[in-house]
Amino acid sequence: TLTGEETVLIVEMFGSTTSQTLAVVSEVPPTSPSAVVAKAEK
């Protein structure tokens, strides 16, 4: 139950461990559906 509504949450996590890049978060207008991407050295 989320915000008073019975529902099903589906979370999809993506990843890779083979690139050497810096961490960033994509900027998406708040009025449209948004997805998040990030990069960091590990």
PDB file of all heavy atoms in Angstrom:
ATOM      1  N   THR A   1       0.851  -1.192   0.000  1.00  0.00           N
ATOM      2  CA  THR A   1       0.000   0.000   0.000  1.00  0.00           C
ATOM      3  C   THR A   1       0.882   1.236   0.000  1.00  0.00           C
ATOM      4  O   THR A   1       1.710   1.427   0.893  1.00  0.00           O
ATOM      5  CB  THR A   1      -0.931   0.014   1.224  1.00  0.00           C
ATOM      6  OG1 THR A   1      -1.743  -1.161   1.219  1.00  0.00           O
ATOM      7  CG2 THR A   1      -1.834   1.237   1.194  1.00  0.00           C
ATOM      8  N   LEU A   2       0.722   2.064  -1.034  1.00  0.00           N
ATOM      9  CA  LEU A   2       1.515   3.278  -1.178  1.00  0.00           C
ATOM     10  C   LEU A   2       0.568   4.457  -1.357  1.00  0.00           C
ATOM     11  O   LEU A   2      -0.316   4.411  -2.211  1.00  0.00           O
ATOM     12  CB  LEU A   2       2.460   3.159  -2.377  1.00  0.00           C
ATOM     13  CG  LEU A   2       3.481   4.283  -2.544  1.00  0.00           C
ATOM     14  CD1 LEU A   2       4.531   4.219  -1.447  1.00  0.00           C
ATOM     15  CD2 LEU A   2       4.162   4.202  -3.909  1.00  0.00           C
ATOM     16  N   THR A   3       0.767   5.492  -0.556  1.00  0.00           N
ATOM     17  CA  THR A   3      -0.104   6.681  -0.563  1.00  0.00           C
ATOM     18  C   THR A   3      -1.577   6.291  -0.519  1.00  0.00           C
ATOM     19  O   THR A   3      -2.409   6.846  -1.242  1.00  0.00           O
ATOM     20  CB  THR A   3       0.179   7.576  -1.798  1.00  0.00           C
ATOM     21  OG1 THR A   3      -0.064   6.832  -3.011  1.00  0.00           O
ATOM     22  CG2 THR A   3       1.614   8.055  -1.799  1.00  0.00           C
ATOM     23  N   GLY A   4      -1.906   5.303   0.308  1.00  0.00           N
ATOM     24  CA  GLY A   4      -3.283   4.898   0.520  1.00  0.00           C
ATOM     25  C   GLY A   4      -3.880   4.027  -0.558  1.00  0.00           C
ATOM     26  O   GLY A   4      -5.080   3.737  -0.535  1.00  0.00           O
ATOM     27  N   GLU A   5      -3.072   3.547  -1.497  1.00  0.00           N
ATOM     28  CA  GLU A   5      -3.580   2.752  -2.616  1.00  0.00           C
ATOM     29  C   GLU A   5      -2.872   1.401  -2.659  1.00  0.00           C
ATOM     30  O   GLU A   5      -1.639   1.329  -2.596  1.00  0.00           O
ATOM     31  CB  GLU A   5      -3.335   3.496  -3.934  1.00  0.00           C
ATOM     32  CG  GLU A   5      -3.753   2.719  -5.167  1.00  0.00           C
ATOM     33  CD  GLU A   5      -3.304   3.399  -6.454  1.00  0.00           C
ATOM     34  OE1 GLU A   5      -2.522   4.366  -6.381  1.00  0.00           O
ATOM     35  OE2 GLU A   5      -3.731   2.949  -7.529  1.00  0.00           O
ATOM     36  N   GLU A   6      -3.675   0.345  -2.749  1.00  0.00           N
ATOM     37  CA  GLU A   6      -3.082  -0.982  -2.939  1.00  0.00           C
ATOM     38  C   GLU A   6      -2.484  -1.049  -4.340  1.00  0.00           C
ATOM     39  O   GLU A   6      -3.152  -0.742  -5.330  1.00  0.00           O
ATOM     40  CB  GLU A   6      -4.140  -2.069  -2.771  1.00  0.00           C
ATOM     41  CG  GLU A   6      -3.564  -3.475  -2.893  1.00  0.00           C
ATOM     42  CD  GLU A   6      -4.622  -4.551  -3.028  1.00  0.00           C
ATOM     43  OE1 GLU A   6      -5.813  -4.218  -2.942  1.00  0.00           O
ATOM     44  OE2 GLU A   6      -4.239  -5.714  -3.255  1.00  0.00           O
ATOM     45  N   THR A   7      -1.226  -1.450  -4.435  1.00  0.00           N
ATOM     46  CA  THR A   7      -0.560  -1.420  -5.725  1.00  0.00           C
ATOM     47  C   THR A   7       0.563  -2.439  -5.755  1.00  0.00           C
ATOM     48  O   THR A   7       0.806  -3.164  -4.789  1.00  0.00           O
ATOM     49  CB  THR A   7      -0.011  -0.005  -6.008  1.00  0.00           C
ATOM     50  OG1 THR A   7       0.460   0.078  -7.359  1.00  0.00           O
ATOM     51  CG2 THR A   7       1.133   0.341  -5.058  1.00  0.00           C
ATOM     52  N   VAL A   8       1.250  -2.509  -6.882  1.00  0.00           N
ATOM     53  CA  VAL A   8       2.431  -3.352  -7.043  1.00  0.00           C
ATOM     54  C   VAL A   8       3.571  -2.459  -7.518  1.00  0.00           C
ATOM     55  O   VAL A   8       3.454  -1.786  -8.541  1.00  0.00           O
ATOM     56  CB  VAL A   8       2.189  -4.484  -8.066  1.00  0.00           C
ATOM     57  CG1 VAL A   8       3.453  -5.317  -8.231  1.00  0.00           C
ATOM     58  CG2 VAL A   8       1.036  -5.355  -7.641  1.00  0.00           C
ATOM     59  N   LEU A   9       4.657  -2.438  -6.760  1.00  0.00           N
ATOM     60  CA  LEU A   9       5.833  -1.669  -7.153  1.00  0.00           C
ATOM     61  C   LEU A   9       6.781  -2.561  -7.936  1.00  0.00           C
ATOM     62  O   LEU A   9       7.051  -3.694  -7.526  1.00  0.00           O
ATOM     63  CB  LEU A   9       6.556  -1.119  -5.919  1.00  0.00           C
ATOM     64  CG  LEU A   9       5.774  -0.195  -4.991  1.00  0.00           C
ATOM     65  CD1 LEU A   9       6.695   0.320  -3.884  1.00  0.00           C
ATOM     66  CD2 LEU A   9       5.169   0.961  -5.755  1.00  0.00           C
ATOM     67  N   ILE A  10       7.277  -2.052  -9.053  1.00  0.00           N
ATOM     68  CA  ILE A  10       8.252  -2.778  -9.858  1.00  0.00           C
ATOM     69  C   ILE A  10       9.487  -1.893  -9.994  1.00  0.00           C
ATOM     70  O   ILE A  10       9.407  -0.782 -10.516  1.00  0.00           O
ATOM     71  CB  ILE A  10       7.682  -3.133 -11.244  1.00  0.00           C
ATOM     72  CG1 ILE A  10       6.396  -3.941 -11.094  1.00  0.00           C
ATOM     73  CG2 ILE A  10       8.705  -3.923 -12.066  1.00  0.00           C
ATOM     74  CD1 ILE A  10       5.680  -4.212 -12.390  1.00  0.00           C
ATOM     75  N   VAL A  11      10.600  -2.386  -9.478  1.00  0.00           N
ATOM     76  CA  VAL A  11      11.860  -1.644  -9.526  1.00  0.00           C
ATOM     77  C   VAL A  11      12.827  -2.390 -10.422  1.00  0.00           C
ATOM     78  O   VAL A  11      13.013  -3.606 -10.282  1.00  0.00           O
ATOM     79  CB  VAL A  11      12.462  -1.483  -8.117  1.00  0.00           C
ATOM     80  CG1 VAL A  11      13.762  -0.686  -8.182  1.00  0.00           C
ATOM     81  CG2 VAL A  11      11.465  -0.807  -7.175  1.00  0.00           C
ATOM     82  N   GLU A  12      13.450  -1.666 -11.337  1.00  0.00           N
ATOM     83  CA  GLU A  12      14.428  -2.237 -12.269  1.00  0.00           C
ATOM     84  C   GLU A  12      15.757  -1.512 -12.057  1.00  0.00           C
ATOM     85  O   GLU A  12      15.830  -0.291 -12.238  1.00  0.00           O
ATOM     86  CB  GLU A  12      13.942  -2.070 -13.708  1.00  0.00           C
ATOM     87  CG  GLU A  12      14.858  -2.669 -14.755  1.00  0.00           C
ATOM     88  CD  GLU A  12      14.293  -2.486 -16.157  1.00  0.00           C
ATOM     89  OE1 GLU A  12      13.673  -1.429 -16.421  1.00  0.00           O
ATOM     90  OE2 GLU A  12      14.468  -3.388 -17.006  1.00  0.00           O
ATOM     91  N   MET A  13      16.781  -2.250 -11.662  1.00  0.00           N
ATOM     92  CA  MET A  13      18.110  -1.688 -11.431  1.00  0.00           C
ATOM     93  C   MET A  13      19.071  -2.185 -12.509  1.00  0.00           C
ATOM     94  O   MET A  13      19.162  -3.398 -12.752  1.00  0.00           O
ATOM     95  CB  MET A  13      18.642  -2.099 -10.061  1.00  0.00           C
ATOM     96  CG  MET A  13      17.885  -1.508  -8.882  1.00  0.00           C
ATOM     97  SD  MET A  13      18.318   0.215  -8.608  1.00  0.00           S
ATOM     98  CE  MET A  13      17.725   0.433  -6.916  1.00  0.00           C
ATOM     99  N   PHE A  14      19.775  -1.267 -13.137  1.00  0.00           N
ATOM    100  CA  PHE A  14      20.774  -1.601 -14.156  1.00  0.00           C
ATOM    101  C   PHE A  14      22.176  -1.381 -13.589  1.00  0.00           C
ATOM    102  O   PHE A  14      22.375  -0.527 -12.718  1.00  0.00           O
ATOM    103  CB  PHE A  14      20.611  -0.709 -15.389  1.00  0.00           C
ATOM    104  CG  PHE A  14      19.255  -0.769 -16.039  1.00  0.00           C
ATOM    105  CD1 PHE A  14      18.244   0.093 -15.638  1.00  0.00           C
ATOM    106  CD2 PHE A  14      18.988  -1.691 -17.041  1.00  0.00           C
ATOM    107  CE1 PHE A  14      17.003   0.051 -16.245  1.00  0.00           C
ATOM    108  CE2 PHE A  14      17.746  -1.743 -17.642  1.00  0.00           C
ATOM    109  CZ  PHE A  14      16.749  -0.867 -17.237  1.00  0.00           C
ATOM    110  N   GLY A  15      23.148  -2.119 -14.123  1.00  0.00           N
ATOM    111  CA  GLY A  15      24.510  -1.893 -13.685  1.00  0.00           C
ATOM    112  C   GLY A  15      25.541  -2.535 -14.588  1.00  0.00           C
ATOM    113  O   GLY A  15      25.217  -3.393 -15.426  1.00  0.00           O
ATOM    114  N   SER A  16      26.744  -2.090 -14.427  1.00  0.00           N
ATOM    115  CA  SER A  16      27.895  -2.720 -15.087  1.00  0.00           C
ATOM    116  C   SER A  16      29.121  -2.474 -14.217  1.00  0.00           C
ATOM    117  O   SER A  16      29.148  -1.552 -13.412  1.00  0.00           O
ATOM    118  CB  SER A  16      28.106  -2.170 -16.498  1.00  0.00           C
ATOM    119  OG  SER A  16      28.458  -0.806 -16.450  1.00  0.00           O
ATOM    120  N   THR A  17      30.122  -3.294 -14.410  1.00  0.00           N
ATOM    121  CA  THR A  17      31.347  -3.195 -13.593  1.00  0.00           C
ATOM    122  C   THR A  17      32.579  -3.103 -14.474  1.00  0.00           C
ATOM    123  O   THR A  17      33.680  -3.447 -14.037  1.00  0.00           O
ATOM    124  CB  THR A  17      31.462  -4.432 -12.685  1.00  0.00           C
ATOM    125  OG1 THR A  17      31.490  -5.606 -13.502  1.00  0.00           O
ATOM    126  CG2 THR A  17      30.312  -4.511 -11.704  1.00  0.00           C
ATOM    127  N   THR A  18      32.422  -2.619 -15.710  1.00  0.00           N
ATOM    128  CA  THR A  18      33.522  -2.718 -16.669  1.00  0.00           C
ATOM    129  C   THR A  18      33.916  -1.409 -17.315  1.00  0.00           C
ATOM    130  O   THR A  18      34.653  -1.410 -18.279  1.00  0.00           O
ATOM    131  CB  THR A  18      33.138  -3.696 -17.790  1.00  0.00           C
ATOM    132  OG1 THR A  18      31.919  -3.248 -18.402  1.00  0.00           O
ATOM    133  CG2 THR A  18      32.975  -5.097 -17.255  1.00  0.00           C
ATOM    134  N   SER A  19      33.414  -0.272 -16.817  1.00  0.00           N
ATOM    135  CA  SER A  19      33.768   1.016 -17.421  1.00  0.00           C
ATOM    136  C   SER A  19      34.389   1.925 -16.380  1.00  0.00           C
ATOM    137  O   SER A  19      34.087   1.816 -15.201  1.00  0.00           O
ATOM    138  CB  SER A  19      32.525   1.676 -18.031  1.00  0.00           C
ATOM    139  OG  SER A  19      32.850   2.945 -18.535  1.00  0.00           O
ATOM    140  N   GLN A  20      35.256   2.818 -16.799  1.00  0.00           N
ATOM    141  CA  GLN A  20      35.907   3.753 -15.883  1.00  0.00           C
ATOM    142  C   GLN A  20      35.445   5.162 -16.224  1.00  0.00           C
ATOM    143  O   GLN A  20      36.048   5.862 -17.021  1.00  0.00           O
ATOM    144  CB  GLN A  20      37.431   3.640 -16.005  1.00  0.00           C
ATOM    145  CG  GLN A  20      37.970   2.256 -15.710  1.00  0.00           C
ATOM    146  CD  GLN A  20      37.709   1.849 -14.264  1.00  0.00           C
ATOM    147  OE1 GLN A  20      37.854   2.659 -13.374  1.00  0.00           O
ATOM    148  NE2 GLN A  20      37.323   0.602 -14.063  1.00  0.00           N
ATOM    149  N   THR A  21      34.342   5.599 -15.608  1.00  0.00           N
ATOM    150  CA  THR A  21      33.802   6.935 -15.870  1.00  0.00           C
ATOM    151  C   THR A  21      33.413   7.595 -14.565  1.00  0.00           C
ATOM    152  O   THR A  21      33.389   6.975 -13.518  1.00  0.00           O
ATOM    153  CB  THR A  21      32.572   6.835 -16.794  1.00  0.00           C
ATOM    154  OG1 THR A  21      31.682   5.848 -16.256  1.00  0.00           O
ATOM    155  CG2 THR A  21      32.964   6.431 -18.198  1.00  0.00           C
ATOM    156  N   LEU A  22      33.085   8.881 -14.647  1.00  0.00           N
ATOM    157  CA  LEU A  22      32.748   9.655 -13.452  1.00  0.00           C
ATOM    158  C   LEU A  22      31.263   9.569 -13.143  1.00  0.00           C
ATOM    159  O   LEU A  22      30.451   9.286 -14.011  1.00  0.00           O
ATOM    160  CB  LEU A  22      33.151  11.126 -13.669  1.00  0.00           C
ATOM    161  CG  LEU A  22      34.645  11.362 -13.875  1.00  0.00           C
ATOM    162  CD1 LEU A  22      34.887  12.833 -14.160  1.00  0.00           C
ATOM    163  CD2 LEU A  22      35.448  10.911 -12.662  1.00  0.00           C
ATOM    164  N   ALA A  23      30.915   9.864 -11.903  1.00  0.00           N
ATOM    165  CA  ALA A  23      29.521   9.757 -11.457  1.00  0.00           C
ATOM    166  C   ALA A  23      28.709  10.963 -11.927  1.00  0.00           C
ATOM    167  O   ALA A  23      29.130  12.099 -11.772  1.00  0.00           O
ATOM    168  CB  ALA A  23      29.461   9.679  -9.932  1.00  0.00           C
ATOM    169  N   VAL A  24      27.542  10.708 -12.521  1.00  0.00           N
ATOM    170  CA  VAL A  24      26.603  11.768 -12.917  1.00  0.00           C
ATOM    171  C   VAL A  24      25.183  11.251 -12.726  1.00  0.00           C
ATOM    172  O   VAL A  24      24.933  10.062 -12.722  1.00  0.00           O
ATOM    173  CB  VAL A  24      26.780  12.186 -14.403  1.00  0.00           C
ATOM    174  CG1 VAL A  24      28.139  12.794 -14.631  1.00  0.00           C
ATOM    175  CG2 VAL A  24      26.545  11.008 -15.341  1.00  0.00           C
ATOM    176  N   VAL A  25      24.250  12.196 -12.579  1.00  0.00           N
ATOM    177  CA  VAL A  25      22.821  11.862 -12.538  1.00  0.00           C
ATOM    178  C   VAL A  25      22.136  12.646 -13.639  1.00  0.00           C
ATOM    179  O   VAL A  25      22.339  13.845 -13.775  1.00  0.00           O
ATOM    180  CB  VAL A  25      22.198  12.215 -11.169  1.00  0.00           C
ATOM    181  CG1 VAL A  25      20.704  11.969 -11.180  1.00  0.00           C
ATOM    182  CG2 VAL A  25      22.860  11.417 -10.064  1.00  0.00           C
ATOM    183  N   SER A  26      21.325  11.969 -14.453  1.00  0.00           N
ATOM    184  CA  SER A  26      20.670  12.637 -15.571  1.00  0.00           C
ATOM    185  C   SER A  26      19.628  13.613 -15.062  1.00  0.00           C
ATOM    186  O   SER A  26      18.941  13.369 -14.084  1.00  0.00           O
ATOM    187  CB  SER A  26      19.997  11.616 -16.489  1.00  0.00           C
ATOM    188  OG  SER A  26      18.937  11.001 -15.828  1.00  0.00           O
ATOM    189  N   GLU A  27      19.485  14.758 -15.729  1.00  0.00           N
ATOM    190  CA  GLU A  27      18.473  15.742 -15.384  1.00  0.00           C
ATOM    191  C   GLU A  27      17.296  15.557 -16.331  1.00  0.00           C
ATOM    192  O   GLU A  27      17.446  15.578 -17.546  1.00  0.00           O
ATOM    193  CB  GLU A  27      19.033  17.162 -15.548  1.00  0.00           C
ATOM    194  CG  GLU A  27      20.160  17.476 -14.580  1.00  0.00           C
ATOM    195  CD  GLU A  27      19.680  17.522 -13.145  1.00  0.00           C
ATOM    196  OE1 GLU A  27      18.487  17.798 -12.939  1.00  0.00           O
ATOM    197  OE2 GLU A  27      20.489  17.280 -12.239  1.00  0.00           O
ATOM    198  N   VAL A  28      16.090  15.403 -15.759  1.00  0.00           N
ATOM    199  CA  VAL A  28      14.890  15.197 -16.544  1.00  0.00           C
ATOM    200  C   VAL A  28      13.845  16.187 -16.077  1.00  0.00           C
ATOM    201  O   VAL A  28      13.697  16.417 -14.869  1.00  0.00           O
ATOM    202  CB  VAL A  28      14.356  13.754 -16.368  1.00  0.00           C
ATOM    203  CG1 VAL A  28      13.144  13.511 -17.248  1.00  0.00           C
ATOM    204  CG2 VAL A  28      15.453  12.767 -16.712  1.00  0.00           C
ATOM    205  N   PRO A  29      13.096  16.857 -16.985  1.00  0.00           N
ATOM    206  CA  PRO A  29      12.073  17.803 -16.557  1.00  0.00           C
ATOM    207  C   PRO A  29      11.089  17.150 -15.598  1.00  0.00           C
ATOM    208  O   PRO A  29      10.670  16.012 -15.806  1.00  0.00           O
ATOM    209  CB  PRO A  29      11.379  18.184 -17.884  1.00  0.00           C
ATOM    210  CG  PRO A  29      12.401  17.905 -18.931  1.00  0.00           C
ATOM    211  CD  PRO A  29      13.201  16.741 -18.431  1.00  0.00           C
ATOM    212  N   PRO A  30      10.689  17.836 -14.508  1.00  0.00           N
ATOM    213  CA  PRO A  30       9.807  17.224 -13.509  1.00  0.00           C
ATOM    214  C   PRO A  30       8.424  16.930 -14.017  1.00  0.00           C
ATOM    215  O   PRO A  30       7.690  16.170 -13.406  1.00  0.00           O
ATOM    216  CB  PRO A  30       9.760  18.288 -12.401  1.00  0.00           C
ATOM    217  CG  PRO A  30      10.125  19.571 -13.071  1.00  0.00           C
ATOM    218  CD  PRO A  30      11.088  19.204 -14.150  1.00  0.00           C
ATOM    219  N   THR A  31       8.026  17.525 -15.152  1.00  0.00           N
ATOM    220  CA  THR A  31       6.683  17.291 -15.668  1.00  0.00           C
ATOM    221  C   THR A  31       6.585  16.028 -16.502  1.00  0.00           C
ATOM    222  O   THR A  31       5.509  15.655 -16.931  1.00  0.00           O
ATOM    223  CB  THR A  31       6.238  18.479 -16.541  1.00  0.00           C
ATOM    224  OG1 THR A  31       7.227  18.686 -17.558  1.00  0.00           O
ATOM    225  CG2 THR A  31       6.120  19.736 -15.703  1.00  0.00           C
ATOM    226  N   SER A  32       7.704  15.379 -16.775  1.00  0.00           N
ATOM    227  CA  SER A  32       7.668  14.151 -17.572  1.00  0.00           C
ATOM    228  C   SER A  32       8.177  12.985 -16.753  1.00  0.00           C
ATOM    229  O   SER A  32       8.903  13.163 -15.785  1.00  0.00           O
ATOM    230  CB  SER A  32       8.550  14.317 -18.824  1.00  0.00           C
ATOM    231  OG  SER A  32       9.883  14.486 -18.436  1.00  0.00           O
ATOM    232  N   PRO A  33       7.802  11.733 -17.129  1.00  0.00           N
ATOM    233  CA  PRO A  33       8.343  10.567 -16.412  1.00  0.00           C
ATOM    234  C   PRO A  33       9.860  10.580 -16.472  1.00  0.00           C
ATOM    235  O   PRO A  33      10.461  10.936 -17.483  1.00  0.00           O
ATOM    236  CB  PRO A  33       7.765   9.378 -17.180  1.00  0.00           C
ATOM    237  CG  PRO A  33       6.557   9.920 -17.855  1.00  0.00           C
ATOM    238  CD  PRO A  33       6.894  11.350 -18.188  1.00  0.00           C
ATOM    239  N   SER A  34      10.502  10.212 -15.390  1.00  0.00           N
ATOM    240  CA  SER A  34      11.954  10.310 -15.335  1.00  0.00           C
ATOM    241  C   SER A  34      12.599   8.984 -15.009  1.00  0.00           C
ATOM    242  O   SER A  34      12.048   8.173 -14.297  1.00  0.00           O
ATOM    243  CB  SER A  34      12.370  11.356 -14.293  1.00  0.00           C
ATOM    244  OG  SER A  34      11.925  10.950 -13.029  1.00  0.00           O
ATOM    245  N   ALA A  35      13.771   8.780 -15.538  1.00  0.00           N
ATOM    246  CA  ALA A  35      14.612   7.643 -15.178  1.00  0.00           C
ATOM    247  C   ALA A  35      15.931   8.210 -14.698  1.00  0.00           C
ATOM    248  O   ALA A  35      16.301   9.328 -15.032  1.00  0.00           O
ATOM    249  CB  ALA A  35      14.815   6.733 -16.375  1.00  0.00           C
ATOM    250  N   VAL A  36      16.666   7.466 -13.924  1.00  0.00           N
ATOM    251  CA  VAL A  36      17.915   7.956 -13.352  1.00  0.00           C
ATOM    252  C   VAL A  36      19.061   7.106 -13.847  1.00  0.00           C
ATOM    253  O   VAL A  36      18.948   5.890 -13.924  1.00  0.00           O
ATOM    254  CB  VAL A  36      17.851   7.907 -11.808  1.00  0.00           C
ATOM    255  CG1 VAL A  36      19.149   8.401 -11.199  1.00  0.00           C
ATOM    256  CG2 VAL A  36      16.693   8.748 -11.315  1.00  0.00           C
ATOM    257  N   VAL A  37      20.179   7.740 -14.167  1.00  0.00           N
ATOM    258  CA  VAL A  37      21.387   7.011 -14.540  1.00  0.00           C
ATOM    259  C   VAL A  37      22.550   7.537 -13.733  1.00  0.00           C
ATOM    260  O   VAL A  37      22.610   8.709 -13.378  1.00  0.00           O
ATOM    261  CB  VAL A  37      21.705   7.138 -16.058  1.00  0.00           C
ATOM    262  CG1 VAL A  37      20.759   6.306 -16.866  1.00  0.00           C
ATOM    263  CG2 VAL A  37      21.655   8.585 -16.499  1.00  0.00           C
ATOM    264  N   ALA A  38      23.518   6.690 -13.426  1.00  0.00           N
ATOM    265  CA  ALA A  38      24.692   7.132 -12.671  1.00  0.00           C
ATOM    266  C   ALA A  38      25.908   6.357 -13.092  1.00  0.00           C
ATOM    267  O   ALA A  38      25.809   5.248 -13.598  1.00  0.00           O
ATOM    268  CB  ALA A  38      24.455   6.946 -11.169  1.00  0.00           C
ATOM    269  N   LYS A  39      27.086   6.935 -12.841  1.00  0.00           N
ATOM    270  CA  LYS A  39      28.345   6.263 -13.116  1.00  0.00           C
ATOM    271  C   LYS A  39      29.307   6.582 -11.976  1.00  0.00           C
ATOM    272  O   LYS A  39      29.324   7.684 -11.453  1.00  0.00           O
ATOM    273  CB  LYS A  39      28.949   6.762 -14.431  1.00  0.00           C
ATOM    274  CG  LYS A  39      28.032   6.628 -15.644  1.00  0.00           C
ATOM    275  CD  LYS A  39      28.666   7.291 -16.843  1.00  0.00           C
ATOM    276  CE  LYS A  39      27.764   7.230 -18.059  1.00  0.00           C
ATOM    277  NZ  LYS A  39      28.346   7.885 -19.225  1.00  0.00           N
ATOM    278  N   ALA A  40      30.145   5.640 -11.621  1.00  0.00           N
ATOM    279  CA  ALA A  40      31.166   5.896 -10.601  1.00  0.00           C
ATOM    280  C   ALA A  40      32.236   4.827 -10.691  1.00  0.00           C
ATOM    281  O   ALA A  40      31.973   3.717 -11.140  1.00  0.00           O
ATOM    282  CB  ALA A  40      30.542   5.886  -9.207  1.00  0.00           C
ATOM    283  N   GLU A  41      33.444   5.159 -10.261  1.00  0.00           N
ATOM    284  CA  GLU A  41      34.542   4.199 -10.321  1.00  0.00           C
ATOM    285  C   GLU A  41      34.454   3.203  -9.182  1.00  0.00           C
ATOM    286  O   GLU A  41      34.429   3.570  -8.021  1.00  0.00           O
ATOM    287  CB  GLU A  41      35.886   4.945 -10.232  1.00  0.00           C
ATOM    288  CG  GLU A  41      36.277   5.627 -11.529  1.00  0.00           C
ATOM    289  CD  GLU A  41      37.720   6.056 -11.496  1.00  0.00           C
ATOM    290  OE1 GLU A  41      38.538   5.375 -10.843  1.00  0.00           O
ATOM    291  OE2 GLU A  41      38.039   7.053 -12.127  1.00  0.00           O
ATOM    292  N   LYS A  42      34.382   1.904  -9.523  1.00  0.00           N
ATOM    293  CA  LYS A  42      34.379   0.832  -8.525  1.00  0.00           C
ATOM    294  C   LYS A  42      35.032  -0.404  -9.119  1.00  0.00           C
ATOM    295  O   LYS A  42      35.161  -0.550 -10.322  1.00  0.00           O
ATOM    296  CB  LYS A  42      32.951   0.477  -8.090  1.00  0.00           C
ATOM    297  CG  LYS A  42      32.220   1.597  -7.342  1.00  0.00           C
ATOM    298  CD  LYS A  42      32.763   1.783  -5.955  1.00  0.00           C
ATOM    299  CE  LYS A  42      32.049   2.886  -5.210  1.00  0.00           C
ATOM    300  NZ  LYS A  42      32.564   3.086  -3.867  1.00  0.00           N
TER     301      LYS A  42
END
